[in-house]
Amino acid sequence: MKKIKRVNLPKLKFDKNGLIPAIVQNRKTGQVLMCAYMNRESLKITLKEKRTCFFSRSRKVLWRKGESSGNVQKVKEIYYDCDKDALLIKVEQTGVACHTGNKSCFYRKIV
């Protein structure tokens, strides 16, 4: 069995519900694909499996991106912001990122 390398996480600031926003970006194109939320457990799973895992605020469960659609996000890099209260996850996207079938969840423009 392959030993998992231990990662020392910075002291991230999760909100009162134990969540932190995670912006997901295509590593090659720079396109922002989606925004979701992680708790400590989903972040640990993401680091271990090298694919995104999030926490559903509405269903109150963990979910791995692509578990039903096949549109998997392979994690290449994870950054945290200066306040330690948001994550930027750079991925290699398979298929589309949005449940609507769009490449990105950010496809509607206001201005």
PDB file of N, CA and C in Angstrom:
ATOM      1  N   MET A   1       0.843  -1.169   0.000  1.00  0.00           N
ATOM      2  CA  MET A   1       0.000   0.000   0.000  1.00  0.00           C
ATOM      3  C   MET A   1       0.900   1.248   0.000  1.00  0.00           C
ATOM      4  N   LYS A   2       0.594   2.193  -0.865  1.00  0.00           N
ATOM      5  CA  LYS A   2       1.381   3.417  -0.983  1.00  0.00           C
ATOM      6  C   LYS A   2       1.100   4.343   0.202  1.00  0.00           C
ATOM      7  N   LYS A   3       2.169   4.842   0.809  1.00  0.00           N
ATOM      8  CA  LYS A   3       2.029   5.749   1.947  1.00  0.00           C
ATOM      9  C   LYS A   3       1.659   7.141   1.444  1.00  0.00           C
ATOM     10  N   ILE A   4       0.690   7.768   2.103  1.00  0.00           N
ATOM     11  CA  ILE A   4       0.230   9.103   1.723  1.00  0.00           C
ATOM     12  C   ILE A   4       1.096  10.137   2.411  1.00  0.00           C
ATOM     13  N   LYS A   5       1.615  11.057   1.610  1.00  0.00           N
ATOM     14  CA  LYS A   5       2.448  12.134   2.143  1.00  0.00           C
ATOM     15  C   LYS A   5       1.582  13.067   2.991  1.00  0.00           C
ATOM     16  N   ARG A   6       2.045  13.365   4.192  1.00  0.00           N
ATOM     17  CA  ARG A   6       1.314  14.270   5.085  1.00  0.00           C
ATOM     18  C   ARG A   6       1.547  15.707   4.633  1.00  0.00           C
ATOM     19  N   VAL A   7       0.480  16.471   4.557  1.00  0.00           N
ATOM     20  CA  VAL A   7       0.557  17.858   4.148  1.00  0.00           C
ATOM     21  C   VAL A   7       0.226  18.733   5.353  1.00  0.00           C
ATOM     22  N   ASN A   8       1.095  19.699   5.626  1.00  0.00           N
ATOM     23  CA  ASN A   8       0.825  20.641   6.703  1.00  0.00           C
ATOM     24  C   ASN A   8      -0.016  21.775   6.151  1.00  0.00           C
ATOM     25  N   LEU A   9      -1.269  21.823   6.569  1.00  0.00           N
ATOM     26  CA  LEU A   9      -2.172  22.865   6.105  1.00  0.00           C
ATOM     27  C   LEU A   9      -1.964  24.143   6.900  1.00  0.00           C
ATOM     28  N   PRO A  10      -2.072  25.289   6.224  1.00  0.00           N
ATOM     29  CA  PRO A  10      -2.033  26.546   6.972  1.00  0.00           C
ATOM     30  C   PRO A  10      -3.284  26.643   7.837  1.00  0.00           C
ATOM     31  N   LYS A  11      -3.303  27.548   8.763  1.00  0.00           N
ATOM     32  CA  LYS A  11      -4.479  27.733   9.628  1.00  0.00           C
ATOM     33  C   LYS A  11      -5.539  28.498   8.846  1.00  0.00           C
ATOM     34  N   LEU A  12      -6.272  27.762   8.030  1.00  0.00           N
ATOM     35  CA  LEU A  12      -7.321  28.363   7.211  1.00  0.00           C
ATOM     36  C   LEU A  12      -8.486  28.802   8.084  1.00  0.00           C
ATOM     37  N   LYS A  13      -9.186  29.830   7.639  1.00  0.00           N
ATOM     38  CA  LYS A  13     -10.324  30.365   8.382  1.00  0.00           C
ATOM     39  C   LYS A  13     -11.629  29.881   7.761  1.00  0.00           C
ATOM     40  N   PHE A  14     -12.190  28.851   8.350  1.00  0.00           N
ATOM     41  CA  PHE A  14     -13.484  28.343   7.931  1.00  0.00           C
ATOM     42  C   PHE A  14     -14.553  29.197   8.595  1.00  0.00           C
ATOM     43  N   ASP A  15     -15.708  29.352   7.950  1.00  0.00           N
ATOM     44  CA  ASP A  15     -16.772  30.189   8.525  1.00  0.00           C
ATOM     45  C   ASP A  15     -17.450  29.480   9.704  1.00  0.00           C
ATOM     46  N   LYS A  16     -18.480  30.120  10.260  1.00  0.00           N
ATOM     47  CA  LYS A  16     -19.164  29.573  11.445  1.00  0.00           C
ATOM     48  C   LYS A  16     -19.805  28.218  11.184  1.00  0.00           C
ATOM     49  N   ASN A  17     -20.032  27.881   9.898  1.00  0.00           N
ATOM     50  CA  ASN A  17     -20.588  26.578   9.526  1.00  0.00           C
ATOM     51  C   ASN A  17     -19.496  25.571   9.170  1.00  0.00           C
ATOM     52  N   GLY A  18     -18.241  25.984   9.347  1.00  0.00           N
ATOM     53  CA  GLY A  18     -17.125  25.092   9.049  1.00  0.00           C
ATOM     54  C   GLY A  18     -16.790  25.002   7.575  1.00  0.00           C
ATOM     55  N   LEU A  19     -17.175  26.028   6.799  1.00  0.00           N
ATOM     56  CA  LEU A  19     -16.973  26.008   5.348  1.00  0.00           C
ATOM     57  C   LEU A  19     -16.033  27.109   4.890  1.00  0.00           C
ATOM     58  N   ILE A  20     -15.417  26.871   3.736  1.00  0.00           N
ATOM     59  CA  ILE A  20     -14.557  27.855   3.089  1.00  0.00           C
ATOM     60  C   ILE A  20     -14.884  27.825   1.595  1.00  0.00           C
ATOM     61  N   PRO A  21     -15.042  29.012   0.949  1.00  0.00           N
ATOM     62  CA  PRO A  21     -15.328  29.018  -0.489  1.00  0.00           C
ATOM     63  C   PRO A  21     -14.099  28.580  -1.283  1.00  0.00           C
ATOM     64  N   ALA A  22     -14.365  27.851  -2.353  1.00  0.00           N
ATOM     65  CA  ALA A  22     -13.304  27.358  -3.228  1.00  0.00           C
ATOM     66  C   ALA A  22     -13.634  27.744  -4.668  1.00  0.00           C
ATOM     67  N   ILE A  23     -12.809  28.599  -5.236  1.00  0.00           N
ATOM     68  CA  ILE A  23     -12.939  28.980  -6.640  1.00  0.00           C
ATOM     69  C   ILE A  23     -12.129  27.975  -7.444  1.00  0.00           C
ATOM     70  N   VAL A  24     -12.741  27.403  -8.469  1.00  0.00           N
ATOM     71  CA  VAL A  24     -12.069  26.400  -9.284  1.00  0.00           C
ATOM     72  C   VAL A  24     -11.758  27.015 -10.650  1.00  0.00           C
ATOM     73  N   GLN A  25     -10.507  26.894 -11.054  1.00  0.00           N
ATOM     74  CA  GLN A  25     -10.020  27.522 -12.280  1.00  0.00           C
ATOM     75  C   GLN A  25      -9.322  26.484 -13.156  1.00  0.00           C
ATOM     76  N   ASN A  26      -9.532  26.600 -14.478  1.00  0.00           N
ATOM     77  CA  ASN A  26      -8.828  25.754 -15.431  1.00  0.00           C
ATOM     78  C   ASN A  26      -7.359  26.173 -15.426  1.00  0.00           C
ATOM     79  N   ARG A  27      -6.486  25.264 -15.102  1.00  0.00           N
ATOM     80  CA  ARG A  27      -5.069  25.586 -14.978  1.00  0.00           C
ATOM     81  C   ARG A  27      -4.447  26.058 -16.285  1.00  0.00           C
ATOM     82  N   LYS A  28      -4.871  25.470 -17.387  1.00  0.00           N
ATOM     83  CA  LYS A  28      -4.268  25.815 -18.680  1.00  0.00           C
ATOM     84  C   LYS A  28      -4.796  27.125 -19.256  1.00  0.00           C
ATOM     85  N   THR A  29      -6.110  27.351 -19.166  1.00  0.00           N
ATOM     86  CA  THR A  29      -6.705  28.531 -19.819  1.00  0.00           C
ATOM     87  C   THR A  29      -6.901  29.704 -18.869  1.00  0.00           C
ATOM     88  N   GLY A  30      -6.928  29.444 -17.573  1.00  0.00           N
ATOM     89  CA  GLY A  30      -7.186  30.503 -16.602  1.00  0.00           C
ATOM     90  C   GLY A  30      -8.666  30.785 -16.404  1.00  0.00           C
ATOM     91  N   GLN A  31      -9.534  30.115 -17.154  1.00  0.00           N
ATOM     92  CA  GLN A  31     -10.976  30.348 -17.033  1.00  0.00           C
ATOM     93  C   GLN A  31     -11.478  29.886 -15.664  1.00  0.00           C
ATOM     94  N   VAL A  32     -12.277  30.746 -15.022  1.00  0.00           N
ATOM     95  CA  VAL A  32     -12.914  30.362 -13.759  1.00  0.00           C
ATOM     96  C   VAL A  32     -14.063  29.420 -14.104  1.00  0.00           C
ATOM     97  N   LEU A  33     -14.068  28.247 -13.502  1.00  0.00           N
ATOM     98  CA  LEU A  33     -15.051  27.219 -13.829  1.00  0.00           C
ATOM     99  C   LEU A  33     -16.242  27.209 -12.882  1.00  0.00           C
ATOM    100  N   MET A  34     -15.995  27.371 -11.597  1.00  0.00           N
ATOM    101  CA  MET A  34     -17.080  27.268 -10.631  1.00  0.00           C
ATOM    102  C   MET A  34     -16.632  27.768  -9.264  1.00  0.00           C
ATOM    103  N   CYS A  35     -17.600  27.912  -8.388  1.00  0.00           N
ATOM    104  CA  CYS A  35     -17.361  28.219  -6.986  1.00  0.00           C
ATOM    105  C   CYS A  35     -18.181  27.225  -6.174  1.00  0.00           C
ATOM    106  N   ALA A  36     -17.540  26.618  -5.209  1.00  0.00           N
ATOM    107  CA  ALA A  36     -18.234  25.670  -4.335  1.00  0.00           C
ATOM    108  C   ALA A  36     -17.661  25.844  -2.927  1.00  0.00           C
ATOM    109  N   TYR A  37     -18.109  25.030  -2.009  1.00  0.00           N
ATOM    110  CA  TYR A  37     -17.642  25.146  -0.630  1.00  0.00           C
ATOM    111  C   TYR A  37     -17.019  23.846  -0.165  1.00  0.00           C
ATOM    112  N   MET A  38     -16.026  23.987   0.690  1.00  0.00           N
ATOM    113  CA  MET A  38     -15.349  22.831   1.273  1.00  0.00           C
ATOM    114  C   MET A  38     -15.402  22.942   2.783  1.00  0.00           C
ATOM    115  N   ASN A  39     -15.454  21.780   3.427  1.00  0.00           N
ATOM    116  CA  ASN A  39     -15.209  21.730   4.859  1.00  0.00           C
ATOM    117  C   ASN A  39     -13.855  21.042   5.032  1.00  0.00           C
ATOM    118  N   ARG A  40     -13.422  20.860   6.254  1.00  0.00           N
ATOM    119  CA  ARG A  40     -12.100  20.258   6.479  1.00  0.00           C
ATOM    120  C   ARG A  40     -12.004  18.863   5.867  1.00  0.00           C
ATOM    121  N   GLU A  41     -13.068  18.095   6.006  1.00  0.00           N
ATOM    122  CA  GLU A  41     -13.055  16.725   5.485  1.00  0.00           C
ATOM    123  C   GLU A  41     -12.945  16.703   3.965  1.00  0.00           C
ATOM    124  N   SER A  42     -13.724  17.539   3.284  1.00  0.00           N
ATOM    125  CA  SER A  42     -13.667  17.537   1.816  1.00  0.00           C
ATOM    126  C   SER A  42     -12.311  18.040   1.315  1.00  0.00           C
ATOM    127  N   LEU A  43     -11.700  18.973   2.035  1.00  0.00           N
ATOM    128  CA  LEU A  43     -10.366  19.442   1.657  1.00  0.00           C
ATOM    129  C   LEU A  43      -9.347  18.320   1.817  1.00  0.00           C
ATOM    130  N   LYS A  44      -9.441  17.574   2.905  1.00  0.00           N
ATOM    131  CA  LYS A  44      -8.523  16.447   3.115  1.00  0.00           C
ATOM    132  C   LYS A  44      -8.692  15.392   2.021  1.00  0.00           C
ATOM    133  N   ILE A  45      -9.934  15.107   1.649  1.00  0.00           N
ATOM    134  CA  ILE A  45     -10.199  14.133   0.576  1.00  0.00           C
ATOM    135  C   ILE A  45      -9.625  14.643  -0.740  1.00  0.00           C
ATOM    136  N   THR A  46      -9.827  15.937  -1.015  1.00  0.00           N
ATOM    137  CA  THR A  46      -9.292  16.544  -2.241  1.00  0.00           C
ATOM    138  C   THR A  46      -7.778  16.396  -2.295  1.00  0.00           C
ATOM    139  N   LEU A  47      -7.109  16.680  -1.201  1.00  0.00           N
ATOM    140  CA  LEU A  47      -5.650  16.562  -1.155  1.00  0.00           C
ATOM    141  C   LEU A  47      -5.201  15.112  -1.325  1.00  0.00           C
ATOM    142  N   LYS A  48      -5.914  14.202  -0.711  1.00  0.00           N
ATOM    143  CA  LYS A  48      -5.556  12.780  -0.783  1.00  0.00           C
ATOM    144  C   LYS A  48      -5.788  12.199  -2.176  1.00  0.00           C
ATOM    145  N   GLU A  49      -6.959  12.486  -2.754  1.00  0.00           N
ATOM    146  CA  GLU A  49      -7.342  11.876  -4.030  1.00  0.00           C
ATOM    147  C   GLU A  49      -6.888  12.669  -5.249  1.00  0.00           C
ATOM    148  N   LYS A  50      -6.476  13.922  -5.048  1.00  0.00           N
ATOM    149  CA  LYS A  50      -6.050  14.810  -6.143  1.00  0.00           C
ATOM    150  C   LYS A  50      -7.176  15.050  -7.153  1.00  0.00           C
ATOM    151  N   ARG A  51      -8.411  15.058  -6.658  1.00  0.00           N
ATOM    152  CA  ARG A  51      -9.586  15.446  -7.436  1.00  0.00           C
ATOM    153  C   ARG A  51     -10.536  16.152  -6.484  1.00  0.00           C
ATOM    154  N   THR A  52     -11.326  17.073  -7.025  1.00  0.00           N
ATOM    155  CA  THR A  52     -12.123  17.918  -6.139  1.00  0.00           C
ATOM    156  C   THR A  52     -13.252  17.173  -5.444  1.00  0.00           C
ATOM    157  N   CYS A  53     -13.409  17.524  -4.182  1.00  0.00           N
ATOM    158  CA  CYS A  53     -14.493  17.034  -3.346  1.00  0.00           C
ATOM    159  C   CYS A  53     -15.006  18.252  -2.586  1.00  0.00           C
ATOM    160  N   PHE A  54     -16.316  18.430  -2.553  1.00  0.00           N
ATOM    161  CA  PHE A  54     -16.911  19.607  -1.939  1.00  0.00           C
ATOM    162  C   PHE A  54     -17.958  19.196  -0.911  1.00  0.00           C
ATOM    163  N   PHE A  55     -18.469  20.204  -0.194  1.00  0.00           N
ATOM    164  CA  PHE A  55     -19.558  19.984   0.744  1.00  0.00           C
ATOM    165  C   PHE A  55     -20.788  20.692   0.211  1.00  0.00           C
ATOM    166  N   SER A  56     -21.874  19.969   0.048  1.00  0.00           N
ATOM    167  CA  SER A  56     -23.127  20.542  -0.425  1.00  0.00           C
ATOM    168  C   SER A  56     -23.841  21.218   0.741  1.00  0.00           C
ATOM    169  N   ARG A  57     -24.025  22.527   0.625  1.00  0.00           N
ATOM    170  CA  ARG A  57     -24.710  23.269   1.689  1.00  0.00           C
ATOM    171  C   ARG A  57     -26.187  22.915   1.755  1.00  0.00           C
ATOM    172  N   SER A  58     -26.797  22.597   0.623  1.00  0.00           N
ATOM    173  CA  SER A  58     -28.232  22.285   0.613  1.00  0.00           C
ATOM    174  C   SER A  58     -28.517  20.849   1.078  1.00  0.00           C
ATOM    175  N   ARG A  59     -27.699  19.910   0.638  1.00  0.00           N
ATOM    176  CA  ARG A  59     -27.921  18.504   0.989  1.00  0.00           C
ATOM    177  C   ARG A  59     -27.150  18.060   2.230  1.00  0.00           C
ATOM    178  N   LYS A  60     -26.204  18.886   2.659  1.00  0.00           N
ATOM    179  CA  LYS A  60     -25.388  18.583   3.852  1.00  0.00           C
ATOM    180  C   LYS A  60     -24.600  17.282   3.703  1.00  0.00           C
ATOM    181  N   VAL A  61     -24.024  17.069   2.508  1.00  0.00           N
ATOM    182  CA  VAL A  61     -23.219  15.877   2.249  1.00  0.00           C
ATOM    183  C   VAL A  61     -21.982  16.248   1.434  1.00  0.00           C
ATOM    184  N   LEU A  62     -20.979  15.383   1.501  1.00  0.00           N
ATOM    185  CA  LEU A  62     -19.803  15.539   0.649  1.00  0.00           C
ATOM    186  C   LEU A  62     -20.143  15.055  -0.749  1.00  0.00           C
ATOM    187  N   TRP A  63     -19.554  15.707  -1.758  1.00  0.00           N
ATOM    188  CA  TRP A  63     -19.734  15.220  -3.130  1.00  0.00           C
ATOM    189  C   TRP A  63     -18.461  15.447  -3.922  1.00  0.00           C
ATOM    190  N   ARG A  64     -18.118  14.443  -4.688  1.00  0.00           N
ATOM    191  CA  ARG A  64     -16.949  14.516  -5.549  1.00  0.00           C
ATOM    192  C   ARG A  64     -17.394  14.985  -6.933  1.00  0.00           C
ATOM    193  N   LYS A  65     -16.734  16.013  -7.430  1.00  0.00           N
ATOM    194  CA  LYS A  65     -17.077  16.535  -8.748  1.00  0.00           C
ATOM    195  C   LYS A  65     -16.907  15.421  -9.773  1.00  0.00           C
ATOM    196  N   GLY A  66     -17.946  15.186 -10.541  1.00  0.00           N
ATOM    197  CA  GLY A  66     -17.903  14.182 -11.597  1.00  0.00           C
ATOM    198  C   GLY A  66     -18.334  12.791 -11.182  1.00  0.00           C
ATOM    199  N   GLU A  67     -18.760  12.610  -9.931  1.00  0.00           N
ATOM    200  CA  GLU A  67     -19.130  11.264  -9.492  1.00  0.00           C
ATOM    201  C   GLU A  67     -20.328  10.710 -10.258  1.00  0.00           C
ATOM    202  N   SER A  68     -21.222  11.580 -10.717  1.00  0.00           N
ATOM    203  CA  SER A  68     -22.351  11.087 -11.520  1.00  0.00           C
ATOM    204  C   SER A  68     -22.223  11.497 -12.989  1.00  0.00           C
ATOM    205  N   SER A  69     -21.581  12.628 -13.249  1.00  0.00           N
ATOM    206  CA  SER A  69     -21.487  13.133 -14.634  1.00  0.00           C
ATOM    207  C   SER A  69     -20.251  12.658 -15.381  1.00  0.00           C
ATOM    208  N   GLY A  70     -19.214  12.290 -14.644  1.00  0.00           N
ATOM    209  CA  GLY A  70     -17.944  11.939 -15.279  1.00  0.00           C
ATOM    210  C   GLY A  70     -17.078  13.154 -15.578  1.00  0.00           C
ATOM    211  N   ASN A  71     -17.567  14.347 -15.260  1.00  0.00           N
ATOM    212  CA  ASN A  71     -16.821  15.589 -15.512  1.00  0.00           C
ATOM    213  C   ASN A  71     -15.898  15.887 -14.323  1.00  0.00           C
ATOM    214  N   VAL A  72     -14.826  15.149 -14.262  1.00  0.00           N
ATOM    215  CA  VAL A  72     -13.903  15.158 -13.131  1.00  0.00           C
ATOM    216  C   VAL A  72     -12.940  16.336 -13.207  1.00  0.00           C
ATOM    217  N   GLN A  73     -12.537  16.814 -12.030  1.00  0.00           N
ATOM    218  CA  GLN A  73     -11.527  17.866 -11.928  1.00  0.00           C
ATOM    219  C   GLN A  73     -10.307  17.300 -11.212  1.00  0.00           C
ATOM    220  N   LYS A  74      -9.202  17.137 -11.958  1.00  0.00           N
ATOM    221  CA  LYS A  74      -7.952  16.675 -11.361  1.00  0.00           C
ATOM    222  C   LYS A  74      -7.213  17.885 -10.814  1.00  0.00           C
ATOM    223  N   VAL A  75      -6.915  17.847  -9.537  1.00  0.00           N
ATOM    224  CA  VAL A  75      -6.275  18.973  -8.858  1.00  0.00           C
ATOM    225  C   VAL A  75      -4.793  19.031  -9.203  1.00  0.00           C
ATOM    226  N   LYS A  76      -4.366  20.211  -9.632  1.00  0.00           N
ATOM    227  CA  LYS A  76      -2.964  20.450  -9.956  1.00  0.00           C
ATOM    228  C   LYS A  76      -2.292  21.358  -8.927  1.00  0.00           C
ATOM    229  N   GLU A  77      -3.020  22.372  -8.445  1.00  0.00           N
ATOM    230  CA  GLU A  77      -2.475  23.304  -7.462  1.00  0.00           C
ATOM    231  C   GLU A  77      -3.610  23.837  -6.591  1.00  0.00           C
ATOM    232  N   ILE A  78      -3.301  24.134  -5.342  1.00  0.00           N
ATOM    233  CA  ILE A  78      -4.271  24.779  -4.451  1.00  0.00           C
ATOM    234  C   ILE A  78      -3.573  25.949  -3.763  1.00  0.00           C
ATOM    235  N   TYR A  79      -4.216  27.105  -3.836  1.00  0.00           N
ATOM    236  CA  TYR A  79      -3.720  28.321  -3.193  1.00  0.00           C
ATOM    237  C   TYR A  79      -4.750  28.786  -2.177  1.00  0.00           C
ATOM    238  N   TYR A  80      -4.322  29.590  -1.218  1.00  0.00           N
ATOM    239  CA  TYR A  80      -5.252  30.261  -0.317  1.00  0.00           C
ATOM    240  C   TYR A  80      -4.958  31.751  -0.359  1.00  0.00           C
ATOM    241  N   ASP A  81      -5.969  32.563  -0.066  1.00  0.00           N
ATOM    242  CA  ASP A  81      -5.814  34.012  -0.185  1.00  0.00           C
ATOM    243  C   ASP A  81      -5.123  34.606   1.036  1.00  0.00           C
ATOM    244  N   CYS A  82      -4.863  35.914   0.963  1.00  0.00           N
ATOM    245  CA  CYS A  82      -4.113  36.620   2.008  1.00  0.00           C
ATOM    246  C   CYS A  82      -4.808  36.580   3.361  1.00  0.00           C
ATOM    247  N   ASP A  83      -6.119  36.482   3.387  1.00  0.00           N
ATOM    248  CA  ASP A  83      -6.867  36.412   4.648  1.00  0.00           C
ATOM    249  C   ASP A  83      -7.070  34.979   5.130  1.00  0.00           C
ATOM    250  N   LYS A  84      -6.656  34.015   4.330  1.00  0.00           N
ATOM    251  CA  LYS A  84      -6.778  32.584   4.627  1.00  0.00           C
ATOM    252  C   LYS A  84      -8.225  32.130   4.731  1.00  0.00           C
ATOM    253  N   ASP A  85      -9.146  32.841   4.017  1.00  0.00           N
ATOM    254  CA  ASP A  85     -10.564  32.478   4.110  1.00  0.00           C
ATOM    255  C   ASP A  85     -11.194  32.127   2.765  1.00  0.00           C
ATOM    256  N   ALA A  86     -10.361  31.849   1.770  1.00  0.00           N
ATOM    257  CA  ALA A  86     -10.853  31.409   0.458  1.00  0.00           C
ATOM    258  C   ALA A  86      -9.745  30.608  -0.221  1.00  0.00           C
ATOM    259  N   LEU A  87     -10.176  29.657  -1.048  1.00  0.00           N
ATOM    260  CA  LEU A  87      -9.236  28.811  -1.783  1.00  0.00           C
ATOM    261  C   LEU A  87      -9.358  29.039  -3.279  1.00  0.00           C
ATOM    262  N   LEU A  88      -8.252  28.867  -3.983  1.00  0.00           N
ATOM    263  CA  LEU A  88      -8.215  28.852  -5.443  1.00  0.00           C
ATOM    264  C   LEU A  88      -7.639  27.503  -5.828  1.00  0.00           C
ATOM    265  N   ILE A  89      -8.438  26.724  -6.559  1.00  0.00           N
ATOM    266  CA  ILE A  89      -8.009  25.379  -6.940  1.00  0.00           C
ATOM    267  C   ILE A  89      -7.843  25.334  -8.452  1.00  0.00           C
ATOM    268  N   LYS A  90      -6.621  25.089  -8.897  1.00  0.00           N
ATOM    269  CA  LYS A  90      -6.340  24.990 -10.326  1.00  0.00           C
ATOM    270  C   LYS A  90      -6.414  23.519 -10.722  1.00  0.00           C
ATOM    271  N   VAL A  91      -7.227  23.257 -11.749  1.00  0.00           N
ATOM    272  CA  VAL A  91      -7.528  21.872 -12.113  1.00  0.00           C
ATOM    273  C   VAL A  91      -7.341  21.613 -13.601  1.00  0.00           C
ATOM    274  N   GLU A  92      -7.317  20.330 -13.906  1.00  0.00           N
ATOM    275  CA  GLU A  92      -7.430  19.848 -15.276  1.00  0.00           C
ATOM    276  C   GLU A  92      -8.858  19.312 -15.365  1.00  0.00           C
ATOM    277  N   GLN A  93      -9.689  19.997 -16.138  1.00  0.00           N
ATOM    278  CA  GLN A  93     -11.116  19.672 -16.227  1.00  0.00           C
ATOM    279  C   GLN A  93     -11.372  18.650 -17.323  1.00  0.00           C
ATOM    280  N   THR A  94     -12.134  17.611 -16.996  1.00  0.00           N
ATOM    281  CA  THR A  94     -12.618  16.655 -17.982  1.00  0.00           C
ATOM    282  C   THR A  94     -14.082  16.993 -18.233  1.00  0.00           C
ATOM    283  N   GLY A  95     -14.441  17.295 -19.484  1.00  0.00           N
ATOM    284  CA  GLY A  95     -15.818  17.660 -19.803  1.00  0.00           C
ATOM    285  C   GLY A  95     -16.137  19.059 -19.328  1.00  0.00           C
ATOM    286  N   VAL A  96     -17.405  19.303 -19.039  1.00  0.00           N
ATOM    287  CA  VAL A  96     -17.864  20.627 -18.606  1.00  0.00           C
ATOM    288  C   VAL A  96     -17.855  20.718 -17.079  1.00  0.00           C
ATOM    289  N   ALA A  97     -17.830  21.943 -16.570  1.00  0.00           N
ATOM    290  CA  ALA A  97     -17.827  22.133 -15.115  1.00  0.00           C
ATOM    291  C   ALA A  97     -19.221  22.368 -14.555  1.00  0.00           C
ATOM    292  N   CYS A  98     -20.105  22.962 -15.359  1.00  0.00           N
ATOM    293  CA  CYS A  98     -21.424  23.357 -14.856  1.00  0.00           C
ATOM    294  C   CYS A  98     -22.466  22.263 -15.067  1.00  0.00           C
ATOM    295  N   HIS A  99     -23.359  22.110 -14.090  1.00  0.00           N
ATOM    296  CA  HIS A  99     -24.429  21.118 -14.189  1.00  0.00           C
ATOM    297  C   HIS A  99     -25.427  21.450 -15.311  1.00  0.00           C
ATOM    298  N   THR A 100     -25.375  22.692 -15.841  1.00  0.00           N
ATOM    299  CA  THR A 100     -26.262  23.089 -16.947  1.00  0.00           C
ATOM    300  C   THR A 100     -25.739  22.623 -18.294  1.00  0.00           C
ATOM    301  N   GLY A 101     -24.505  22.101 -18.302  1.00  0.00           N
ATOM    302  CA  GLY A 101     -23.890  21.683 -19.561  1.00  0.00           C
ATOM    303  C   GLY A 101     -22.940  22.721 -20.132  1.00  0.00           C
ATOM    304  N   ASN A 102     -22.822  23.857 -19.457  1.00  0.00           N
ATOM    305  CA  ASN A 102     -21.888  24.887 -19.897  1.00  0.00           C
ATOM    306  C   ASN A 102     -20.479  24.563 -19.405  1.00  0.00           C
ATOM    307  N   LYS A 103     -19.509  25.063 -20.142  1.00  0.00           N
ATOM    308  CA  LYS A 103     -18.107  24.835 -19.813  1.00  0.00           C
ATOM    309  C   LYS A 103     -17.776  25.383 -18.422  1.00  0.00           C
ATOM    310  N   SER A 104     -18.335  26.539 -18.092  1.00  0.00           N
ATOM    311  CA  SER A 104     -18.123  27.217 -16.811  1.00  0.00           C
ATOM    312  C   SER A 104     -19.482  27.567 -16.207  1.00  0.00           C
ATOM    313  N   CYS A 105     -19.531  27.642 -14.888  1.00  0.00           N
ATOM    314  CA  CYS A 105     -20.753  28.107 -14.232  1.00  0.00           C
ATOM    315  C   CYS A 105     -20.958  29.613 -14.425  1.00  0.00           C
ATOM    316  N   PHE A 106     -19.901  30.296 -14.823  1.00  0.00           N
ATOM    317  CA  PHE A 106     -19.957  31.750 -15.024  1.00  0.00           C
ATOM    318  C   PHE A 106     -20.133  32.045 -16.513  1.00  0.00           C
ATOM    319  N   TYR A 107     -21.339  31.839 -17.002  1.00  0.00           N
ATOM    320  CA  TYR A 107     -21.627  32.065 -18.426  1.00  0.00           C
ATOM    321  C   TYR A 107     -22.653  33.163 -18.647  1.00  0.00           C
ATOM    322  N   ARG A 108     -23.211  33.735 -17.588  1.00  0.00           N
ATOM    323  CA  ARG A 108     -24.192  34.812 -17.722  1.00  0.00           C
ATOM    324  C   ARG A 108     -23.571  36.141 -17.302  1.00  0.00           C
ATOM    325  N   LYS A 109     -23.691  37.141 -18.161  1.00  0.00           N
ATOM    326  CA  LYS A 109     -23.057  38.424 -17.941  1.00  0.00           C
ATOM    327  C   LYS A 109     -24.071  39.456 -17.459  1.00  0.00           C
ATOM    328  N   ILE A 110     -23.684  40.260 -16.473  1.00  0.00           N
ATOM    329  CA  ILE A 110     -24.543  41.346 -15.990  1.00  0.00           C
ATOM    330  C   ILE A 110     -24.240  42.629 -16.752  1.00  0.00           C
ATOM    331  N   VAL A 111     -22.981  42.986 -16.838  1.00  0.00           N
ATOM    332  CA  VAL A 111     -22.588  44.241 -17.509  1.00  0.00           C
ATOM    333  C   VAL A 111     -21.600  43.935 -18.615  1.00  0.00           C
TER     334      VAL A 111
END
